[in-house]
Amino acid sequence: MPYRYIDDIATADAAFEAWGNTEEEMMRAAADALTNVMVENLGAVSGKVHQTIHVESDSRDMLLFHLLEEMIFLKDTDGLLLRISNVQIQLGNDHFTLDAEAYGEEINPGKHTLNVDVKAVTLYRYHIEQGSKGWTATVVLDV
């Protein structure tokens, strides 16, 4: 599991640190951490629905923020629990783009043991870092 939950960052919110050898691996781990905050068993989320997610930002660091926000939006509007299978990042004309392939299914309380409802990603302590061992992100979620 390339993420861990952090208990001492925010008392009323959920926080996690996600990592990977590449930026794309770190983003997939962060997406799993987000979904795992909402549903107890990630393995219970099957691939019945496929969704392409496209986000843009002036800052490379904010691509993950926008990806997670889009996953929350799709949960709120379409009732989807999603996992990310592929991420591609590109530099365009003065901005970055991220295209992600997601799979998942509609929330089914009979199948998915739900934990908490995530309302938003916050900028509080939001941080992405590239180090000698790969990429790490710290994210706090409003629940």
Foldseek 3Di string as FASTA:
>chain_A
DQKDWDPPQDPQWTKMKGWDQEPWRRLLRVLLVLLCQWFVDPVLWDFPDKDKDKDKDLDPLCQSQVVNQVQLVCCVPVQWRKGWDGWDWDDDDNMIMIITIIGGDHDDVVRTVTRDRFDHKDPRVWDWDQDPRGIMTMTITRD
